[in-house]
C-alpha atoms as a PDB file:
ATOM      1  CA  THR A   1     109.764 102.337  92.980  1.00  0.00           C
ATOM      2  CA  THR A   2     111.457 105.604  93.848  1.00  0.00           C
ATOM      3  CA  LYS A   3     114.573 106.700  91.966  1.00  0.00           C
ATOM      4  CA  PRO A   4     117.725 106.087  94.037  1.00  0.00           C
ATOM      5  CA  ALA A   5     118.529 109.800  94.282  1.00  0.00           C
ATOM      6  CA  GLU A   6     115.070 110.459  95.746  1.00  0.00           C
ATOM      7  CA  VAL A   7     114.919 107.594  98.283  1.00  0.00           C
ATOM      8  CA  ALA A   8     116.350 109.520 101.261  1.00  0.00           C
ATOM      9  CA  GLY A   9     113.921 112.401 100.794  1.00  0.00           C
ATOM     10  CA  ALA A  10     110.951 110.081 100.306  1.00  0.00           C
ATOM     11  CA  ILE A  11     111.781 108.084 103.462  1.00  0.00           C
ATOM     12  CA  LYS A  12     112.315 111.291 105.436  1.00  0.00           C
ATOM     13  CA  ALA A  13     108.926 112.656 104.312  1.00  0.00           C
ATOM     14  CA  LEU A  14     107.201 109.346 105.097  1.00  0.00           C
ATOM     15  CA  LEU A  15     108.715 109.230 108.594  1.00  0.00           C
ATOM     16  CA  LYS A  16     107.873 112.871 109.265  1.00  0.00           C
ATOM     17  CA  GLU A  17     104.218 112.347 108.346  1.00  0.00           C
ATOM     18  CA  TYR A  18     103.935 109.068 110.259  1.00  0.00           C
ATOM     19  CA  ASN A  19     105.647 110.387 113.387  1.00  0.00           C
ATOM     20  CA  SER A  20     103.435 113.492 113.428  1.00  0.00           C
ATOM     21  CA  LYS A  21     100.310 111.411 114.130  1.00  0.00           C
ATOM     22  CA  SER A  22      99.025 111.738 117.678  1.00  0.00           C
ATOM     23  CA  LYS A  23      97.758 108.140 117.794  1.00  0.00           C
ATOM     24  CA  ILE A  24      98.899 105.334 115.505  1.00  0.00           C
ATOM     25  CA  THR A  25      96.189 102.923 114.348  1.00  0.00           C
ATOM     26  CA  PHE A  26      96.344  99.537 112.645  1.00  0.00           C
ATOM     27  CA  ASP A  27      95.535 101.220 109.322  1.00  0.00           C
ATOM     28  CA  ASP A  28      98.290 103.807 109.877  1.00  0.00           C
ATOM     29  CA  ILE A  29     100.798 100.965 110.220  1.00  0.00           C
ATOM     30  CA  LEU A  30      99.484  99.277 107.071  1.00  0.00           C
ATOM     31  CA  ASP A  31      99.550 102.556 105.141  1.00  0.00           C
ATOM     32  CA  PHE A  32     103.126 103.225 106.260  1.00  0.00           C
ATOM     33  CA  HIS A  33     104.067  99.727 105.112  1.00  0.00           C
ATOM     34  CA  VAL A  34     102.525 100.111 101.660  1.00  0.00           C
ATOM     35  CA  ARG A  35     104.195 103.481 101.176  1.00  0.00           C
ATOM     36  CA  PHE A  36     107.546 102.132 102.426  1.00  0.00           C
ATOM     37  CA  GLU A  37     107.289  99.238  99.972  1.00  0.00           C
ATOM     38  CA  SER A  38     106.468 101.612  97.110  1.00  0.00           C
ATOM     39  CA  ILE A  39     109.606 103.644  97.872  1.00  0.00           C
ATOM     40  CA  HIS A  40     111.599 100.386  97.697  1.00  0.00           C
ATOM     41  CA  PRO A  41     114.683 101.776  99.464  1.00  0.00           C
ATOM     42  CA  PHE A  42     116.858  98.653  99.238  1.00  0.00           C
ATOM     43  CA  GLN A  43     118.054  96.533  96.358  1.00  0.00           C
ATOM     44  CA  ASP A  44     116.807  93.404  98.145  1.00  0.00           C
ATOM     45  CA  GLY A  45     114.889  92.581 101.314  1.00  0.00           C
ATOM     46  CA  ASN A  46     112.366  95.426 101.235  1.00  0.00           C
ATOM     47  CA  GLY A  47     109.441  93.150 102.060  1.00  0.00           C
ATOM     48  CA  ARG A  48     111.196  91.497 104.993  1.00  0.00           C
ATOM     49  CA  VAL A  49     112.330  94.847 106.395  1.00  0.00           C
ATOM     50  CA  GLY A  50     108.874  96.327 105.898  1.00  0.00           C
ATOM     51  CA  ARG A  51     107.135  93.435 107.628  1.00  0.00           C
ATOM     52  CA  LEU A  52     109.612  93.639 110.501  1.00  0.00           C
ATOM     53  CA  ILE A  53     108.834  97.357 110.855  1.00  0.00           C
ATOM     54  CA  MET A  54     105.105  96.544 110.951  1.00  0.00           C
ATOM     55  CA  PHE A  55     105.718  93.947 113.673  1.00  0.00           C
ATOM     56  CA  LYS A  56     107.752  96.414 115.735  1.00  0.00           C
ATOM     57  CA  GLU A  57     105.219  99.217 115.291  1.00  0.00           C
ATOM     58  CA  CYS A  58     102.377  96.945 116.388  1.00  0.00           C
ATOM     59  CA  LEU A  59     104.300  96.115 119.575  1.00  0.00           C
ATOM     60  CA  LYS A  60     105.161  99.777 120.159  1.00  0.00           C
ATOM     61  CA  HIS A  61     101.508 100.828 119.890  1.00  0.00           C
ATOM     62  CA  ASN A  62      99.992  97.931 121.866  1.00  0.00           C
ATOM     63  CA  ILE A  63      98.517  96.270 118.803  1.00  0.00           C
ATOM     64  CA  VAL A  64      98.794  92.492 118.516  1.00  0.00           C
ATOM     65  CA  PRO A  65     101.518  91.898 115.909  1.00  0.00           C
ATOM     66  CA  PHE A  66     101.234  89.437 113.065  1.00  0.00           C
ATOM     67  CA  ILE A  67     103.348  87.380 110.696  1.00  0.00           C
ATOM     68  CA  ILE A  68     102.537  87.024 107.015  1.00  0.00           C
ATOM     69  CA  THR A  69     102.925  83.297 106.379  1.00  0.00           C
ATOM     70  CA  GLU A  70     103.544  81.645 103.023  1.00  0.00           C
ATOM     71  CA  GLU A  71      99.849  80.744 102.905  1.00  0.00           C
ATOM     72  CA  LEU A  72      98.919  84.434 103.137  1.00  0.00           C
ATOM     73  CA  LYS A  73     101.606  85.890 100.851  1.00  0.00           C
ATOM     74  CA  MET A  74      99.496  85.916  97.684  1.00  0.00           C
ATOM     75  CA  PHE A  75      96.676  87.732  99.514  1.00  0.00           C
ATOM     76  CA  TYR A  76      99.217  90.094 101.107  1.00  0.00           C
ATOM     77  CA  TYR A  77     100.670  91.024  97.707  1.00  0.00           C
ATOM     78  CA  ARG A  78      97.173  91.573  96.315  1.00  0.00           C
ATOM     79  CA  GLY A  79      96.434  93.825  99.279  1.00  0.00           C
ATOM     80  CA  ILE A  80      99.527  95.935  98.725  1.00  0.00           C
ATOM     81  CA  LYS A  81      98.805  96.239  95.011  1.00  0.00           C
ATOM     82  CA  ASN A  82      95.204  97.347  95.592  1.00  0.00           C
ATOM     83  CA  TRP A  83      95.668  99.440  98.780  1.00  0.00           C
ATOM     84  CA  LYS A  84      94.823 102.778  97.140  1.00  0.00           C
ATOM     85  CA  ASP A  85      91.492 101.520  95.785  1.00  0.00           C
ATOM     86  CA  GLU A  86      90.510  98.807  98.271  1.00  0.00           C
ATOM     87  CA  ARG A  87      92.058  98.764 101.720  1.00  0.00           C
ATOM     88  CA  GLY A  88      90.008  95.762 102.777  1.00  0.00           C
ATOM     89  CA  TYR A  89      92.227  93.223 101.003  1.00  0.00           C
ATOM     90  CA  LEU A  90      95.378  94.033 102.962  1.00  0.00           C
ATOM     91  CA  ARG A  91      93.508  94.823 106.165  1.00  0.00           C
ATOM     92  CA  GLY A  92      91.647  91.508 106.011  1.00  0.00           C
ATOM     93  CA  THR A  93      94.807  89.530 105.301  1.00  0.00           C
ATOM     94  CA  CYS A  94      96.665  91.176 108.177  1.00  0.00           C
ATOM     95  CA  LEU A  95      93.725  90.752 110.552  1.00  0.00           C
ATOM     96  CA  SER A  96      93.631  87.066 109.637  1.00  0.00           C
ATOM     97  CA  ALA A  97      97.357  86.814 110.404  1.00  0.00           C
ATOM     98  CA  GLN A  98      96.701  88.672 113.648  1.00  0.00           C
ATOM     99  CA  ASP A  99      94.036  86.100 114.565  1.00  0.00           C
ATOM    100  CA  ASP A 100      96.643  83.377 114.046  1.00  0.00           C
ATOM    101  CA  MET A 101      98.992  85.222 116.397  1.00  0.00           C
ATOM    102  CA  LYS A 102      96.214  85.565 118.989  1.00  0.00           C
ATOM    103  CA  THR A 103      95.634  81.807 118.806  1.00  0.00           C
ATOM    104  CA  ALA A 104      99.327  81.211 119.530  1.00  0.00           C
ATOM    105  CA  LEU A 105      99.323  83.773 122.345  1.00  0.00           C
ATOM    106  CA  ASP A 106      96.235  82.148 123.868  1.00  0.00           C
ATOM    107  CA  TYR A 107      97.880  78.725 123.687  1.00  0.00           C
ATOM    108  CA  PHE A 108     100.863  79.994 125.669  1.00  0.00           C
ATOM    109  CA  GLY A 109      98.723  82.043 128.058  1.00  0.00           C
ATOM    110  CA  VAL A 110     100.113  85.392 126.924  1.00  0.00           C
ATOM    111  CA  LYS A 111      97.743  88.288 127.590  1.00  0.00           C
ATOM    112  CA  TYR A 112      97.228  90.899 124.920  1.00  0.00           C
END
């Protein structure tokens, strides 16, 4: 968690780095999310805001979005905690959630 006096600068630096990328990948979105969560800019609701940002960024970059369900939350938290050492935990959890979204999109005939 970033000290309150340093939050604005940390968010600004994170956004500058993220927005400087020429092409945003799935892993870029996950990395942004983990770093956003580690800054912890709000007193409450950081996870919800962060997951909403991930959803929006997936849509913006033509990546199928995903929703972290209650069933996946424990795996999601493990993935965030271990991101620096093992990216596969969070990536795998989010890809699983993405598969669930694809199933729903297929059911409704939505192309992706």
